[in-house]
Amino acid sequence: MSIDLGLIGTITSDEISFDSGKTINGLGGVLYQAAVLCGLGKQVHLYTNLGEKLIQDVEKMVEKWPGLRREGICRVPGAGNQVHLHYPEKGERVETLRSVVPPLNPRQVIEDMRKLGMLILIINSGFDIELSDWRKIVAAAKIPVWLDVHSLPLSRELNVPRNYLPLTEWKEWIEGVSFIQVNEKELFSMLGDPDKRYSEDDALAFGKEAFSLGAKAVFVTLGKEGVLVITPEESKRIRSPEVKSVVDTTGCGDVFCGGAVVKLAEGQDPFTAASCGLELATEAVSIKGIEETYMLARRHREKEKQSKEY
């Protein structure tokens, strides 16, 4: 039986630049997860504050997604969440926030909770929701909850490159959460040292603490190296499929999230879910933008449908 999914996050307007001088402009943020979830045939209730300047472009895009419920989109004044992402030839991506929207009011999410079978929070900007309001949502949720930590440990100043900072209140964010998604930098920010080199032992230690707070699985995304899936019973590194070509890596972690969440919602175990999410994310590096991401997810759905018929 299909279940409705609740999705909390921020819609962004992204300017993506490269050392070569090439730039890409388009919508981003939580729309990546929404595109995957809707493309895979799920009913998705989106909860977000959306700046007036972005409303027309967003509505034009999502009107093609029959599974997206938009009652939780709240219009707010201003330019919306404007982000500049720079990808140097070497080193890590540099992110700069130009403008943000205010944190989401949790009232609509809590009122809709009885309709939902699973809830997802994506911290796209760090301004998405206040911790106190997130605790109210988790307390009301009697359903599985997925948290993508993402921008939570990043500094919150506007118009300067963002840095990873120690996230001292991380346990308050993940308590009661079923599934946690982090990358290496986010993991070590939560452990107090953003500059520490990745160690699987540290990741396992983090998993142990997360399980004591109610988590069922932790997904540590490792870029080209795949994803480490940790459960209370076992841990397993799942390798990425071979990448044929790289066009744009923006949103790959978001695509992984969408693919994995769908499989979990369908009753699959965390390792199977991660494999499916990773396969979809690997294909996503060969495309760019939200609309192509939606079509990629639709093609995957059709392939699965055909394979079941045979």
Protein backbone atom coordinates (compact mmCIF):
# COMPACT_ATOMS: atom_id res chain seq x y z
CA MET A 1 0.00 0.00 0.00
CA SER A 2 1.35 3.43 -0.96
CA ILE A 3 1.84 5.96 1.84
CA ASP A 4 1.92 9.74 1.73
CA LEU A 5 5.27 11.37 2.49
CA GLY A 6 5.80 14.68 4.29
CA LEU A 7 8.77 16.73 3.08
CA ILE A 8 10.16 19.76 4.95
CA GLY A 9 12.92 21.92 3.49
CA THR A 10 13.77 25.09 1.59
CA ILE A 11 13.43 25.82 -2.11
CA THR A 12 16.49 27.68 -3.35
CA SER A 13 17.53 29.66 -6.38
CA ASP A 14 21.02 28.40 -7.22
CA GLU A 15 23.82 30.08 -9.13
CA ILE A 16 26.46 27.41 -9.77
CA SER A 17 29.89 28.46 -11.00
CA PHE A 18 33.12 26.69 -11.99
CA ASP A 19 36.76 27.76 -12.31
CA SER A 20 36.35 27.53 -16.09
CA GLY A 21 33.91 30.45 -15.97
CA LYS A 22 30.90 28.30 -16.75
CA THR A 23 27.76 29.08 -14.73
CA ILE A 24 24.43 27.31 -14.28
CA ASN A 25 21.32 28.96 -12.85
CA GLY A 26 18.19 27.23 -11.66
CA LEU A 27 15.94 26.16 -8.83
CA GLY A 28 17.28 23.77 -6.22
CA GLY A 29 17.15 22.82 -2.58
CA VAL A 30 14.29 20.61 -1.41
CA LEU A 31 12.91 20.45 -4.96
CA TYR A 32 15.52 17.79 -5.72
CA GLN A 33 14.00 15.42 -3.16
CA ALA A 34 10.49 16.38 -4.23
CA ALA A 35 11.35 15.65 -7.87
CA VAL A 36 12.67 12.18 -7.03
CA LEU A 37 9.80 11.27 -4.71
CA CYS A 38 7.16 12.45 -7.19
CA GLY A 39 8.99 10.92 -10.16
CA LEU A 40 8.98 7.58 -8.34
CA GLY A 41 5.21 7.84 -8.02
CA LYS A 42 4.76 8.95 -4.42
CA GLN A 43 2.25 11.41 -2.97
CA VAL A 44 4.33 14.17 -1.39
CA HIS A 45 3.17 16.93 0.96
CA LEU A 46 5.73 19.75 0.69
CA TYR A 47 6.18 22.17 3.61
CA THR A 48 8.31 25.21 2.89
CA ASN A 49 8.45 29.01 3.01
CA LEU A 50 8.81 30.32 -0.54
CA GLY A 51 9.95 33.83 -1.46
CA GLU A 52 7.61 35.79 -3.74
CA LYS A 53 10.27 36.22 -6.41
CA LEU A 54 10.48 32.44 -6.94
CA ILE A 55 6.77 31.60 -6.87
CA GLN A 56 6.09 31.82 -10.59
CA ASP A 57 9.09 29.68 -11.59
CA VAL A 58 8.33 27.07 -8.94
CA GLU A 59 4.65 26.80 -9.84
CA LYS A 60 5.50 26.44 -13.52
CA MET A 61 7.83 23.55 -12.71
CA VAL A 62 5.85 21.58 -10.14
CA GLU A 63 2.48 21.77 -11.91
CA LYS A 64 3.80 18.86 -14.01
CA TRP A 65 4.21 16.68 -10.91
CA PRO A 66 0.82 15.08 -10.15
CA GLY A 67 1.97 13.64 -6.81
CA LEU A 68 2.98 16.96 -5.23
CA ARG A 69 0.59 18.46 -2.66
CA ARG A 70 1.27 22.19 -2.34
CA GLU A 71 -0.98 23.25 0.54
CA GLY A 72 2.06 23.41 2.83
CA ILE A 73 3.90 25.95 0.65
CA CYS A 74 3.74 29.31 2.43
CA ARG A 75 4.43 32.46 0.41
CA VAL A 76 6.69 34.97 2.13
CA PRO A 77 7.94 38.42 1.00
CA GLY A 78 11.28 38.87 -0.68
CA ALA A 79 13.70 37.22 -3.07
CA GLY A 80 13.58 33.80 -1.41
CA ASN A 81 16.56 31.61 -0.60
CA GLN A 82 19.34 32.71 -3.00
CA VAL A 83 22.53 30.60 -3.04
CA HIS A 84 25.85 30.76 -4.88
CA LEU A 85 27.70 27.43 -5.20
CA HIS A 86 31.24 27.39 -6.59
CA TYR A 87 32.97 24.17 -7.62
CA PRO A 88 36.76 24.61 -7.85
CA GLU A 89 38.85 22.19 -9.90
CA LYS A 90 40.35 20.95 -6.64
CA GLY A 91 38.95 21.06 -3.14
CA GLU A 92 35.48 21.32 -1.68
CA ARG A 93 32.47 23.20 -2.92
CA VAL A 94 32.14 26.79 -1.65
CA GLU A 95 28.64 27.88 -0.66
CA THR A 96 27.50 31.47 -0.11
CA LEU A 97 24.00 32.48 0.98
CA ARG A 98 22.73 35.70 -0.61
CA SER A 99 19.30 35.76 1.06
CA VAL A 100 17.12 33.42 3.12
CA VAL A 101 13.49 32.86 4.09
CA PRO A 102 12.27 32.73 7.71
CA PRO A 103 12.01 29.38 9.53
CA LEU A 104 8.93 27.26 8.91
CA ASN A 105 5.98 27.37 11.31
CA PRO A 106 5.36 23.73 12.35
CA ARG A 107 1.57 24.05 12.71
CA GLN A 108 0.59 22.71 9.27
CA VAL A 109 2.97 19.75 9.51
CA ILE A 110 1.59 18.75 12.91
CA GLU A 111 -2.01 19.12 11.72
CA ASP A 112 -1.31 16.91 8.68
CA MET A 113 0.60 14.22 10.59
CA ARG A 114 -2.32 11.78 10.55
CA LYS A 115 -2.21 11.76 6.73
CA LEU A 116 1.47 10.88 6.54
CA GLY A 117 3.25 7.55 6.61
CA MET A 118 6.78 9.00 6.76
CA LEU A 119 8.33 12.43 7.33
CA ILE A 120 11.54 13.89 5.84
CA LEU A 121 13.42 17.01 6.97
CA ILE A 122 16.15 18.44 4.75
CA ILE A 123 18.26 21.23 6.28
CA ASN A 124 18.95 23.12 3.05
CA SER A 125 19.90 26.51 4.46
CA GLY A 126 20.27 26.13 8.23
CA PHE A 127 17.41 28.62 8.59
CA ASP A 128 14.76 26.07 7.59
CA ILE A 129 13.22 25.43 11.01
CA GLU A 130 13.98 26.29 14.63
CA LEU A 131 15.15 23.47 16.86
CA SER A 132 12.29 24.03 19.31
CA ASP A 133 9.74 23.72 16.50
CA TRP A 134 11.46 20.60 15.15
CA ARG A 135 11.14 19.02 18.60
CA LYS A 136 7.38 19.71 18.51
CA ILE A 137 7.12 17.95 15.15
CA VAL A 138 9.12 14.91 16.27
CA ALA A 139 7.01 14.66 19.43
CA ALA A 140 3.85 14.60 17.29
CA ALA A 141 5.24 12.11 14.77
CA LYS A 142 4.25 8.49 15.38
CA ILE A 143 5.77 7.62 12.01
CA PRO A 144 9.33 7.05 10.71
CA VAL A 145 11.35 10.28 10.38
CA TRP A 146 14.33 10.88 8.07
CA LEU A 147 16.74 13.78 8.76
CA ASP A 148 19.30 14.96 6.21
CA VAL A 149 21.68 17.07 8.33
CA HIS A 150 23.11 18.81 5.23
CA SER A 151 23.61 22.54 6.01
CA LEU A 152 22.91 22.35 9.73
CA PRO A 153 26.60 22.64 10.79
CA LEU A 154 27.36 25.48 8.34
CA SER A 155 27.90 29.07 9.49
CA ARG A 156 24.85 31.27 8.97
CA GLU A 157 26.28 34.63 7.82
CA LEU A 158 25.08 36.03 4.51
CA ASN A 159 27.31 37.05 1.59
CA VAL A 160 30.46 35.29 2.85
CA PRO A 161 31.61 31.70 2.17
CA ARG A 162 30.11 29.29 4.68
CA ASN A 163 32.30 27.24 7.02
CA TYR A 164 31.62 24.04 8.93
CA LEU A 165 31.29 24.60 12.68
CA PRO A 166 30.99 22.19 15.61
CA LEU A 167 27.31 21.32 16.11
CA THR A 168 27.03 21.07 19.88
CA GLU A 169 23.24 20.52 19.96
CA TRP A 170 23.27 17.63 17.46
CA LYS A 171 21.70 15.15 19.86
CA GLU A 172 18.68 17.41 20.25
CA TRP A 173 18.25 17.44 16.47
CA ILE A 174 18.41 13.66 16.01
CA GLU A 175 16.64 12.39 19.14
CA GLY A 176 13.59 10.44 18.02
CA VAL A 177 14.67 10.43 14.35
CA SER A 178 14.56 7.04 12.63
CA PHE A 179 17.02 7.58 9.76
CA ILE A 180 19.95 10.03 9.65
CA GLN A 181 21.85 11.14 6.54
CA VAL A 182 25.25 12.85 6.90
CA ASN A 183 28.37 13.30 4.82
CA GLU A 184 31.90 13.19 6.24
CA LYS A 185 32.15 16.91 7.11
CA GLU A 186 28.69 16.94 8.67
CA LEU A 187 29.54 13.84 10.71
CA PHE A 188 32.66 15.34 12.21
CA SER A 189 30.99 18.70 12.79
CA MET A 190 28.50 16.83 14.94
CA LEU A 191 31.37 15.14 16.75
CA GLY A 192 32.99 18.52 17.41
CA ASP A 193 35.86 18.63 14.87
CA PRO A 194 34.84 19.53 11.27
CA ASP A 195 38.45 19.26 10.01
CA LYS A 196 39.06 15.71 11.20
CA ARG A 197 39.80 13.10 8.52
CA TYR A 198 37.17 10.45 7.97
CA SER A 199 37.44 7.27 10.01
CA GLU A 200 34.98 4.41 9.85
CA ASP A 201 35.53 3.76 13.56
CA ASP A 202 34.37 7.31 14.33
CA ALA A 203 31.35 6.82 12.10
CA LEU A 204 30.46 3.61 13.94
CA ALA A 205 30.84 5.39 17.28
CA PHE A 206 28.49 8.11 16.04
CA GLY A 207 26.03 5.42 14.96
CA LYS A 208 26.10 3.88 18.42
CA GLU A 209 25.17 7.22 20.00
CA ALA A 210 22.45 7.78 17.39
CA PHE A 211 20.91 4.38 18.17
CA SER A 212 20.78 5.27 21.86
CA LEU A 213 18.62 8.24 20.83
CA GLY A 214 16.18 6.11 18.82
CA ALA A 215 17.73 5.89 15.34
CA LYS A 216 17.25 2.73 13.27
CA ALA A 217 19.94 3.45 10.65
CA VAL A 218 22.64 6.00 9.78
CA PHE A 219 23.66 6.71 6.18
CA VAL A 220 27.12 8.30 5.80
CA THR A 221 27.52 9.46 2.19
CA LEU A 222 31.12 9.29 0.97
CA GLY A 223 31.01 10.80 -2.52
CA LYS A 224 32.71 8.57 -5.08
CA GLU A 225 33.28 5.95 -2.37
CA GLY A 226 29.57 5.29 -1.98
CA VAL A 227 27.76 5.17 1.35
CA LEU A 228 28.35 3.56 4.72
CA VAL A 229 25.12 2.14 6.13
CA ILE A 230 25.11 1.55 9.88
CA THR A 231 22.37 -0.29 11.78
CA PRO A 232 22.38 -1.61 15.36
CA GLU A 233 23.03 -5.10 13.98
CA GLU A 234 25.66 -4.48 11.28
CA SER A 235 27.41 -1.95 9.06
CA LYS A 236 28.19 -2.20 5.37
CA ARG A 237 29.95 -0.02 2.80
CA ILE A 238 27.96 0.11 -0.44
CA ARG A 239 30.07 1.10 -3.43
CA SER A 240 28.92 3.53 -6.10
CA PRO A 241 28.23 2.12 -9.57
CA GLU A 242 30.60 3.26 -12.30
CA VAL A 243 30.01 6.84 -13.44
CA LYS A 244 29.91 7.20 -17.23
CA SER A 245 30.07 10.99 -17.38
CA VAL A 246 29.93 13.90 -14.93
CA VAL A 247 27.83 16.94 -15.85
CA ASP A 248 26.76 18.35 -12.47
CA THR A 249 27.12 16.84 -8.99
CA THR A 250 24.74 19.34 -7.37
CA GLY A 251 21.87 17.54 -5.69
CA CYS A 252 23.36 14.04 -5.77
CA GLY A 253 22.98 13.61 -2.02
CA ASP A 254 19.40 14.82 -2.38
CA VAL A 255 18.71 12.26 -5.09
CA PHE A 256 20.20 9.54 -2.88
CA CYS A 257 17.86 10.64 -0.09
CA GLY A 258 14.77 10.50 -2.32
CA GLY A 259 15.60 7.08 -3.73
CA ALA A 260 16.42 5.57 -0.35
CA VAL A 261 13.35 7.03 1.37
CA VAL A 262 11.01 5.53 -1.22
CA LYS A 263 12.43 2.05 -0.66
CA LEU A 264 12.22 2.41 3.11
CA ALA A 265 8.62 3.58 2.79
CA GLU A 266 7.92 0.47 0.70
CA GLY A 267 9.27 -1.75 3.48
CA GLN A 268 12.79 -2.46 2.22
CA ASP A 269 15.73 -2.75 4.64
CA PRO A 270 18.26 0.14 4.96
CA PHE A 271 20.94 -1.65 2.87
CA THR A 272 18.60 -2.29 -0.06
CA ALA A 273 17.26 1.24 0.23
CA ALA A 274 20.78 2.69 0.17
CA SER A 275 21.72 0.64 -2.90
CA CYS A 276 18.70 1.94 -4.80
CA GLY A 277 19.34 5.52 -3.70
CA LEU A 278 23.00 5.27 -4.67
CA GLU A 279 22.18 3.87 -8.11
CA LEU A 280 19.85 6.79 -8.78
CA ALA A 281 22.33 9.36 -7.43
CA THR A 282 25.12 7.97 -9.61
CA GLU A 283 22.99 8.42 -12.71
CA ALA A 284 22.09 11.94 -11.58
CA VAL A 285 25.68 13.21 -12.00
CA SER A 286 25.20 12.81 -15.77
CA ILE A 287 22.31 15.30 -15.86
CA LYS A 288 21.62 18.75 -14.47
CA GLY A 289 18.69 20.51 -12.87
CA ILE A 290 15.40 19.66 -11.21
CA GLU A 291 13.37 18.86 -14.31
CA GLU A 292 15.91 16.34 -15.60
CA THR A 293 16.04 14.83 -12.12
CA TYR A 294 12.27 14.34 -12.16
CA MET A 295 12.44 12.65 -15.57
CA LEU A 296 15.29 10.40 -14.39
CA ALA A 297 13.16 9.23 -11.46
CA ARG A 298 10.20 8.60 -13.76
CA ARG A 299 12.32 6.46 -16.06
CA HIS A 300 13.46 4.42 -13.05
CA ARG A 301 9.87 3.91 -12.03
CA GLU A 302 8.94 2.71 -15.49
CA LYS A 303 11.88 0.28 -15.57
CA GLU A 304 10.87 -1.18 -12.21
CA LYS A 305 7.29 -1.50 -13.39
CA GLN A 306 8.33 -3.33 -16.54
CA SER A 307 10.67 -5.68 -14.68
CA LYS A 308 7.86 -6.66 -12.28
CA GLU A 309 5.55 -7.38 -15.20
CA TYR A 310 8.06 -9.82 -16.62
